C-alpha atoms as a PDB file:
ATOM      1  CA  UNK A   1      -0.079   0.046   0.127  1.00  0.00           C
ATOM      2  CA  UNK A   2       1.201   3.516  -1.063  1.00  0.00           C
ATOM      3  CA  UNK A   3       0.945   6.586   0.553  1.00  0.00           C
ATOM      4  CA  UNK A   4      -1.221   7.689  -1.693  1.00  0.00           C
ATOM      5  CA  UNK A   5      -3.880   4.933  -0.937  1.00  0.00           C
ATOM      6  CA  UNK A   6      -3.300   5.478   2.886  1.00  0.00           C
ATOM      7  CA  UNK A   7      -4.068   9.053   2.240  1.00  0.00           C
ATOM      8  CA  UNK A   8      -7.229   8.316   0.399  1.00  0.00           C
ATOM      9  CA  UNK A   9      -8.491   5.891   2.918  1.00  0.00           C
ATOM     10  CA  UNK A  10      -7.733   8.430   5.424  1.00  0.00           C
ATOM     11  CA  UNK A  11      -9.571  11.214   3.362  1.00  0.00           C
ATOM     12  CA  UNK A  12     -12.572   8.828   3.174  1.00  0.00           C
ATOM     13  CA  UNK A  13     -12.800   7.941   6.867  1.00  0.00           C
ATOM     14  CA  UNK A  14     -12.381  11.734   7.360  1.00  0.00           C
ATOM     15  CA  UNK A  15     -15.445  12.348   5.239  1.00  0.00           C
ATOM     16  CA  UNK A  16     -17.608   9.634   7.254  1.00  0.00           C
ATOM     17  CA  UNK A  17     -16.823  11.760  10.491  1.00  0.00           C
ATOM     18  CA  UNK A  18     -17.440  15.084   8.804  1.00  0.00           C
ATOM     19  CA  UNK A  19     -20.601  14.020   7.438  1.00  0.00           C
ATOM     20  CA  UNK A  20     -21.725  12.281  11.049  1.00  0.00           C
ATOM     21  CA  UNK A  21     -20.842  15.480  12.768  1.00  0.00           C
ATOM     22  CA  UNK A  22     -22.864  17.551  10.191  1.00  0.00           C
ATOM     23  CA  UNK A  23     -25.503  15.202  10.902  1.00  0.00           C
ATOM     24  CA  UNK A  24     -25.304  15.418  14.562  1.00  0.00           C
ATOM     25  CA  UNK A  25     -24.923  18.979  14.345  1.00  0.00           C
ATOM     26  CA  UNK A  26     -28.403  19.333  12.351  1.00  0.00           C
ATOM     27  CA  UNK A  27     -30.145  16.813  14.588  1.00  0.00           C
ATOM     28  CA  UNK A  28     -29.263  18.896  17.537  1.00  0.00           C
ATOM     29  CA  UNK A  29     -29.983  21.962  15.650  1.00  0.00           C
ATOM     30  CA  UNK A  30     -33.462  20.621  14.702  1.00  0.00           C
ATOM     31  CA  UNK A  31     -34.200  19.191  18.537  1.00  0.00           C
ATOM     32  CA  UNK A  32     -33.488  22.854  20.014  1.00  0.00           C
ATOM     33  CA  UNK A  33     -35.735  24.411  17.523  1.00  0.00           C
ATOM     34  CA  UNK A  34     -38.327  22.127  18.207  1.00  0.00           C
ATOM     35  CA  UNK A  35     -38.010  22.380  22.104  1.00  0.00           C
ATOM     36  CA  UNK A  36     -38.210  26.044  21.731  1.00  0.00           C
ATOM     37  CA  UNK A  37     -41.350  25.411  19.739  1.00  0.00           C
ATOM     38  CA  UNK A  38     -43.110  23.191  21.856  1.00  0.00           C
ATOM     39  CA  UNK A  39     -42.126  25.387  24.821  1.00  0.00           C
ATOM     40  CA  UNK A  40     -43.336  28.511  23.075  1.00  0.00           C
ATOM     41  CA  UNK A  41     -47.132  26.311  22.601  1.00  0.00           C
ATOM     42  CA  UNK A  42     -47.084  25.954  26.527  1.00  0.00           C
ATOM     43  CA  UNK A  43     -48.814  28.588  27.360  1.00  0.00           C
ATOM     44  CA  UNK A  44     -51.555  28.359  24.715  1.00  0.00           C
ATOM     45  CA  UNK A  45     -52.083  24.681  26.075  1.00  0.00           C
ATOM     46  CA  UNK A  46     -52.341  26.077  29.702  1.00  0.00           C
ATOM     47  CA  UNK A  47     -54.879  28.426  28.378  1.00  0.00           C
ATOM     48  CA  UNK A  48     -56.739  26.167  26.521  1.00  0.00           C
ATOM     49  CA  UNK A  49     -56.897  23.764  29.794  1.00  0.00           C
ATOM     50  CA  UNK A  50     -57.881  26.499  31.827  1.00  0.00           C
ATOM     51  CA  UNK A  51     -60.975  27.655  29.011  1.00  0.00           C
ATOM     52  CA  UNK A  52     -61.906  23.971  29.387  1.00  0.00           C
ATOM     53  CA  UNK A  53     -62.548  23.647  32.874  1.00  0.00           C
ATOM     54  CA  UNK A  54     -64.135  27.089  32.740  1.00  0.00           C
ATOM     55  CA  UNK A  55     -66.329  26.042  30.032  1.00  0.00           C
ATOM     56  CA  UNK A  56     -67.182  22.939  32.333  1.00  0.00           C
ATOM     57  CA  UNK A  57     -68.136  25.137  35.505  1.00  0.00           C
ATOM     58  CA  UNK A  58     -70.196  27.336  33.220  1.00  0.00           C
ATOM     59  CA  UNK A  59     -71.955  24.441  31.514  1.00  0.00           C
ATOM     60  CA  UNK A  60     -72.774  22.867  34.841  1.00  0.00           C
ATOM     61  CA  UNK A  61     -73.606  26.007  36.854  1.00  0.00           C
ATOM     62  CA  UNK A  62     -76.013  27.355  34.286  1.00  0.00           C
ATOM     63  CA  UNK A  63     -77.681  23.724  33.573  1.00  0.00           C
ATOM     64  CA  UNK A  64     -78.368  23.804  37.291  1.00  0.00           C
ATOM     65  CA  UNK A  65     -79.760  27.095  37.222  1.00  0.00           C
ATOM     66  CA  UNK A  66     -82.032  26.662  34.236  1.00  0.00           C
ATOM     67  CA  UNK A  67     -83.403  23.499  35.442  1.00  0.00           C
ATOM     68  CA  UNK A  68     -84.474  25.413  38.706  1.00  0.00           C
ATOM     69  CA  UNK A  69     -86.425  27.704  36.592  1.00  0.00           C
ATOM     70  CA  UNK A  70     -88.455  25.514  34.183  1.00  0.00           C
ATOM     71  CA  UNK A  71     -91.211  27.634  35.137  1.00  0.00           C
ATOM     72  CA  UNK A  72     -89.775  30.886  34.280  1.00  0.00           C
ATOM     73  CA  UNK A  73     -89.259  31.233  30.546  1.00  0.00           C
ATOM     74  CA  UNK A  74     -86.782  34.189  30.570  1.00  0.00           C
ATOM     75  CA  UNK A  75     -84.563  32.557  33.343  1.00  0.00           C
ATOM     76  CA  UNK A  76     -84.912  29.268  31.297  1.00  0.00           C
ATOM     77  CA  UNK A  77     -83.649  30.894  28.499  1.00  0.00           C
ATOM     78  CA  UNK A  78     -81.154  32.921  30.083  1.00  0.00           C
ATOM     79  CA  UNK A  79     -79.455  29.732  31.852  1.00  0.00           C
ATOM     80  CA  UNK A  80     -79.568  27.713  28.372  1.00  0.00           C
ATOM     81  CA  UNK A  81     -77.819  30.584  26.467  1.00  0.00           C
ATOM     82  CA  UNK A  82     -75.282  30.394  29.188  1.00  0.00           C
ATOM     83  CA  UNK A  83     -74.786  26.617  29.194  1.00  0.00           C
ATOM     84  CA  UNK A  84     -74.493  26.933  25.098  1.00  0.00           C
ATOM     85  CA  UNK A  85     -71.658  29.654  25.902  1.00  0.00           C
ATOM     86  CA  UNK A  86     -70.210  27.505  28.029  1.00  0.00           C
ATOM     87  CA  UNK A  87     -70.299  24.218  25.531  1.00  0.00           C
ATOM     88  CA  UNK A  88     -68.915  26.670  23.038  1.00  0.00           C
ATOM     89  CA  UNK A  89     -65.939  27.085  25.396  1.00  0.00           C
ATOM     90  CA  UNK A  90     -65.441  23.575  25.739  1.00  0.00           C
ATOM     91  CA  UNK A  91     -65.834  22.810  21.851  1.00  0.00           C
ATOM     92  CA  UNK A  92     -63.330  25.397  20.709  1.00  0.00           C
ATOM     93  CA  UNK A  93     -60.681  24.281  23.842  1.00  0.00           C
ATOM     94  CA  UNK A  94     -60.942  20.824  22.534  1.00  0.00           C
ATOM     95  CA  UNK A  95     -60.344  21.983  19.064  1.00  0.00           C
ATOM     96  CA  UNK A  96     -57.323  23.756  19.973  1.00  0.00           C
ATOM     97  CA  UNK A  97     -55.880  20.690  21.989  1.00  0.00           C
ATOM     98  CA  UNK A  98     -56.471  18.452  19.100  1.00  0.00           C
ATOM     99  CA  UNK A  99     -54.584  20.541  16.770  1.00  0.00           C
ATOM    100  CA  UNK A 100     -51.909  21.049  19.111  1.00  0.00           C
ATOM    101  CA  UNK A 101     -51.484  17.460  19.854  1.00  0.00           C
ATOM    102  CA  UNK A 102     -51.476  16.590  16.013  1.00  0.00           C
ATOM    103  CA  UNK A 103     -48.570  18.846  15.254  1.00  0.00           C
ATOM    104  CA  UNK A 104     -45.755  16.392  14.079  1.00  0.00           C
ATOM    105  CA  UNK A 105     -42.323  17.961  15.031  1.00  0.00           C
ATOM    106  CA  UNK A 106     -40.508  15.015  13.358  1.00  0.00           C
ATOM    107  CA  UNK A 107     -42.078  16.141  10.051  1.00  0.00           C
ATOM    108  CA  UNK A 108     -40.870  18.162   7.524  1.00  0.00           C
ATOM    109  CA  UNK A 109     -40.965  21.894   8.187  1.00  0.00           C
ATOM    110  CA  UNK A 110     -43.373  22.455   5.303  1.00  0.00           C
ATOM    111  CA  UNK A 111     -45.747  20.388   7.252  1.00  0.00           C
ATOM    112  CA  UNK A 112     -45.278  21.809  10.334  1.00  0.00           C
ATOM    113  CA  UNK A 113     -45.906  25.087   9.022  1.00  0.00           C
ATOM    114  CA  UNK A 114     -49.351  23.740   7.452  1.00  0.00           C
ATOM    115  CA  UNK A 115     -50.245  22.597  10.565  1.00  0.00           C
ATOM    116  CA  UNK A 116     -49.585  25.961  12.399  1.00  0.00           C
ATOM    117  CA  UNK A 117     -51.396  27.865   9.568  1.00  0.00           C
ATOM    118  CA  UNK A 118     -54.560  25.635  10.413  1.00  0.00           C
ATOM    119  CA  UNK A 119     -54.132  26.152  14.029  1.00  0.00           C
ATOM    120  CA  UNK A 120     -53.913  29.868  13.196  1.00  0.00           C
ATOM    121  CA  UNK A 121     -56.680  29.863  10.750  1.00  0.00           C
ATOM    122  CA  UNK A 122     -58.981  28.146  13.506  1.00  0.00           C
ATOM    123  CA  UNK A 123     -58.086  30.872  16.084  1.00  0.00           C
ATOM    124  CA  UNK A 124     -59.187  33.363  13.796  1.00  0.00           C
ATOM    125  CA  UNK A 125     -62.510  31.673  13.259  1.00  0.00           C
ATOM    126  CA  UNK A 126     -62.799  31.041  17.035  1.00  0.00           C
ATOM    127  CA  UNK A 127     -62.240  34.552  17.924  1.00  0.00           C
ATOM    128  CA  UNK A 128     -65.043  35.703  15.464  1.00  0.00           C
ATOM    129  CA  UNK A 129     -67.121  32.954  17.356  1.00  0.00           C
ATOM    130  CA  UNK A 130     -66.257  34.678  20.710  1.00  0.00           C
ATOM    131  CA  UNK A 131     -67.094  37.814  19.111  1.00  0.00           C
ATOM    132  CA  UNK A 132     -70.526  37.272  18.159  1.00  0.00           C
ATOM    133  CA  UNK A 133     -71.309  35.346  21.377  1.00  0.00           C
ATOM    134  CA  UNK A 134     -69.453  37.631  23.694  1.00  0.00           C
ATOM    135  CA  UNK A 135     -71.711  40.574  21.913  1.00  0.00           C
ATOM    136  CA  UNK A 136     -75.020  39.076  23.400  1.00  0.00           C
ATOM    137  CA  UNK A 137     -73.729  36.339  26.240  1.00  0.00           C
ATOM    138  CA  UNK A 138     -73.432  39.362  28.757  1.00  0.00           C
ATOM    139  CA  UNK A 139     -77.213  39.698  28.558  1.00  0.00           C
ATOM    140  CA  UNK A 140     -78.222  36.285  30.312  1.00  0.00           C
ATOM    141  CA  UNK A 141     -75.265  36.617  32.607  1.00  0.00           C
ATOM    142  CA  UNK A 142     -76.944  39.789  33.833  1.00  0.00           C
ATOM    143  CA  UNK A 143     -80.112  38.510  34.216  1.00  0.00           C
ATOM    144  CA  UNK A 144     -78.860  35.440  35.998  1.00  0.00           C
ATOM    145  CA  UNK A 145     -76.737  37.657  38.484  1.00  0.00           C
ATOM    146  CA  UNK A 146     -79.288  40.206  39.188  1.00  0.00           C
ATOM    147  CA  UNK A 147     -81.906  37.397  39.954  1.00  0.00           C
ATOM    148  CA  UNK A 148     -79.181  35.734  42.003  1.00  0.00           C
ATOM    149  CA  UNK A 149     -79.005  38.902  44.033  1.00  0.00           C
ATOM    150  CA  UNK A 150     -82.689  38.946  44.418  1.00  0.00           C
ATOM    151  CA  UNK A 151     -84.144  41.266  41.717  1.00  0.00           C
ATOM    152  CA  UNK A 152     -85.727  40.160  38.661  1.00  0.00           C
ATOM    153  CA  UNK A 153     -85.203  42.974  36.042  1.00  0.00           C
ATOM    154  CA  UNK A 154     -87.412  41.003  33.714  1.00  0.00           C
ATOM    155  CA  UNK A 155     -90.331  41.592  35.874  1.00  0.00           C
ATOM    156  CA  UNK A 156     -89.294  44.545  37.816  1.00  0.00           C
ATOM    157  CA  UNK A 157     -87.769  46.554  34.955  1.00  0.00           C
ATOM    158  CA  UNK A 158     -88.967  45.223  31.662  1.00  0.00           C
ATOM    159  CA  UNK A 159     -88.136  48.805  29.853  1.00  0.00           C
ATOM    160  CA  UNK A 160     -84.627  48.276  31.236  1.00  0.00           C
ATOM    161  CA  UNK A 161     -84.451  44.650  29.622  1.00  0.00           C
ATOM    162  CA  UNK A 162     -85.431  46.106  26.068  1.00  0.00           C
ATOM    163  CA  UNK A 163     -82.791  48.661  26.524  1.00  0.00           C
ATOM    164  CA  UNK A 164     -80.573  46.016  27.459  1.00  0.00           C
ATOM    165  CA  UNK A 165     -81.462  43.792  24.220  1.00  0.00           C
ATOM    166  CA  UNK A 166     -81.154  47.111  21.778  1.00  0.00           C
ATOM    167  CA  UNK A 167     -77.548  47.413  23.403  1.00  0.00           C
ATOM    168  CA  UNK A 168     -76.957  43.373  22.874  1.00  0.00           C
ATOM    169  CA  UNK A 169     -77.944  43.772  18.993  1.00  0.00           C
ATOM    170  CA  UNK A 170     -75.983  46.817  18.637  1.00  0.00           C
ATOM    171  CA  UNK A 171     -72.975  44.964  19.861  1.00  0.00           C
ATOM    172  CA  UNK A 172     -73.718  42.344  17.497  1.00  0.00           C
ATOM    173  CA  UNK A 173     -74.266  44.504  14.519  1.00  0.00           C
ATOM    174  CA  UNK A 174     -70.732  46.242  15.513  1.00  0.00           C
ATOM    175  CA  UNK A 175     -68.929  42.845  15.490  1.00  0.00           C
ATOM    176  CA  UNK A 176     -70.321  41.667  12.437  1.00  0.00           C
ATOM    177  CA  UNK A 177     -69.453  45.108  10.955  1.00  0.00           C
ATOM    178  CA  UNK A 178     -65.827  44.334  12.081  1.00  0.00           C
ATOM    179  CA  UNK A 179     -65.945  41.108  10.411  1.00  0.00           C
ATOM    180  CA  UNK A 180     -66.734  42.382   7.148  1.00  0.00           C
ATOM    181  CA  UNK A 181     -64.318  45.117   7.715  1.00  0.00           C
ATOM    182  CA  UNK A 182     -61.817  42.573   8.284  1.00  0.00           C
ATOM    183  CA  UNK A 183     -62.568  40.219   5.128  1.00  0.00           C
ATOM    184  CA  UNK A 184     -63.031  43.626   2.855  1.00  0.00           C
ATOM    185  CA  UNK A 185     -59.726  43.626   0.522  1.00  0.00           C
ATOM    186  CA  UNK A 186     -59.355  47.482   1.217  1.00  0.00           C
ATOM    187  CA  UNK A 187     -56.704  49.361   3.349  1.00  0.00           C
ATOM    188  CA  UNK A 188     -58.547  49.105   6.510  1.00  0.00           C
ATOM    189  CA  UNK A 189     -59.644  45.140   6.353  1.00  0.00           C
ATOM    190  CA  UNK A 190     -55.793  44.352   5.586  1.00  0.00           C
ATOM    191  CA  UNK A 191     -54.650  45.912   8.636  1.00  0.00           C
ATOM    192  CA  UNK A 192     -57.621  44.552  10.750  1.00  0.00           C
ATOM    193  CA  UNK A 193     -57.002  41.176   9.535  1.00  0.00           C
ATOM    194  CA  UNK A 194     -53.089  41.482   9.780  1.00  0.00           C
ATOM    195  CA  UNK A 195     -53.760  42.442  13.501  1.00  0.00           C
ATOM    196  CA  UNK A 196     -55.590  38.882  13.977  1.00  0.00           C
END
């Protein structure tokens, strides 16, 4: 064996070691980035778990309330609407957690980006639903709280109820206007949509 053959063998071994080192370095970088990514999603996961618990509490408490007031239509409807809002909390939190759990950290970056884009799109749709529901859910909450404090506003101040209903519909119309503005291709629509 000549010095040239020894040099070729040494060079091939050096290349294999260099490729292994590059592979290990790339894997370490990817694992570090994915670890940062996972830790970045932890607040969202904790928030969704809190939302799930809050939704369960709202659902149980409101169900107990409306079952106890089957003979009073306005209290029954208030309890049912609040229960529907609690179920909305639960359903949206479960959907978020499912989308987060489905993230495949070993997949190529493009696949992870698509999964994140789906999660973001879902959050935008959920924000719209929360806005719509939040526009009117305060009314049954107010009716229930006042009833629990001993004041049945529906019976004692019916004119105030009509004012509150009008306010709820104005809030709903305002939110609908914001949704339309965000979806419009104009300057303000792009700015509003970009902030979501």
